[in-house]
Structures are given as C-alpha cells and as structure tokens.
C-alpha cells in the first residue's frame, strides 16, 4: 500500500486491483489454498519454466 499500512481486502476484485492481476487469476491463486500442504509445497518448489507452458501432473508431485 502506498502509505505502508496493511489492509484487509474483501473481494477478489479489490485484491486483483492492488496487485494489477485479473479477478480470475486471484481466484486461481486462492483455490490453491484448498490443496493439502504437501502438494502446495511441491508446487512452490517446482523448477522454473524457461519457455512456454510446463504441464503439472498430480502423479509427478507425489514422486519426490
């Protein structure tokens, strides 16, 4: 926030406006919270995609 204070944002529109992302993207990110913590962590530590899209398969997340 410009004044350095935190605030609570009540809608996906408000959250998206602050981060300059679409409401749909905010919803996708928030839906990740429904995953169990082990899968969340596996997604966080996936290697960086250099070019194009990198498909994520559930079976690959379990093999660590």
Protein backbone atom coordinates (compact mmCIF):
# COMPACT_ATOMS: atom_id res chain seq x y z
CA UNK A 1 0.00 0.00 0.00
CA UNK A 2 1.32 3.48 -0.76
CA UNK A 3 1.22 4.65 2.86
CA UNK A 4 2.92 1.49 4.12
CA UNK A 5 -0.16 0.27 6.02
CA UNK A 6 -1.68 -3.15 5.51
CA UNK A 7 -5.38 -3.57 4.84
CA UNK A 8 -7.93 -6.35 4.54
CA UNK A 9 -9.36 -6.73 1.05
CA UNK A 10 -12.83 -8.21 0.96
CA UNK A 11 -13.18 -9.17 -2.70
CA UNK A 12 -11.19 -10.74 -5.50
CA UNK A 13 -11.69 -7.52 -7.48
CA UNK A 14 -10.06 -5.47 -4.73
CA UNK A 15 -7.18 -7.94 -4.36
CA UNK A 16 -6.61 -8.03 -8.11
CA UNK A 17 -6.67 -4.25 -8.36
CA UNK A 18 -3.92 -3.89 -5.77
CA UNK A 19 -1.66 -6.43 -7.50
CA UNK A 20 -2.77 -5.47 -11.02
CA UNK A 21 -3.96 -9.00 -11.84
CA UNK A 22 -7.34 -10.18 -13.04
CA UNK A 23 -10.09 -11.42 -10.74
CA UNK A 24 -9.82 -14.81 -12.45
CA UNK A 25 -6.10 -15.06 -11.62
CA UNK A 26 -6.75 -14.13 -7.98
CA UNK A 27 -9.40 -16.87 -7.83
CA UNK A 28 -6.96 -19.42 -9.28
CA UNK A 29 -4.32 -18.50 -6.72
CA UNK A 30 -6.79 -18.58 -3.83
CA UNK A 31 -8.02 -22.02 -4.95
CA UNK A 32 -4.51 -23.37 -4.38
CA UNK A 33 -5.21 -22.98 -0.67
CA UNK A 34 -7.66 -25.89 -0.95
CA UNK A 35 -4.79 -28.27 -1.72
CA UNK A 36 -3.12 -30.22 1.07
CA UNK A 37 0.08 -28.56 2.35
CA UNK A 38 2.39 -31.20 0.85
CA UNK A 39 1.07 -30.50 -2.66
CA UNK A 40 1.23 -26.74 -2.09
CA UNK A 41 4.89 -27.10 -1.13
CA UNK A 42 5.64 -29.33 -4.12
CA UNK A 43 4.15 -26.72 -6.46
CA UNK A 44 6.17 -23.93 -4.82
CA UNK A 45 9.44 -25.77 -5.40
CA UNK A 46 8.85 -26.90 -8.99
CA UNK A 47 11.74 -25.93 -11.29
CA UNK A 48 11.38 -22.69 -13.23
CA UNK A 49 9.84 -22.93 -16.71
CA UNK A 50 12.24 -21.44 -19.23
CA UNK A 51 9.93 -21.27 -22.25
CA UNK A 52 6.27 -21.99 -22.94
CA UNK A 53 3.96 -23.89 -20.65
CA UNK A 54 5.05 -26.67 -18.38
CA UNK A 55 2.27 -29.13 -17.61
CA UNK A 56 1.93 -30.16 -13.98
CA UNK A 57 0.71 -33.71 -13.39
CA UNK A 58 -0.51 -34.78 -9.96
CA UNK A 59 1.49 -38.01 -10.22
CA UNK A 60 4.73 -36.01 -10.66
CA UNK A 61 4.05 -34.03 -7.48
CA UNK A 62 3.86 -37.21 -5.41
CA UNK A 63 7.24 -38.55 -6.64
CA UNK A 64 9.74 -36.50 -4.67
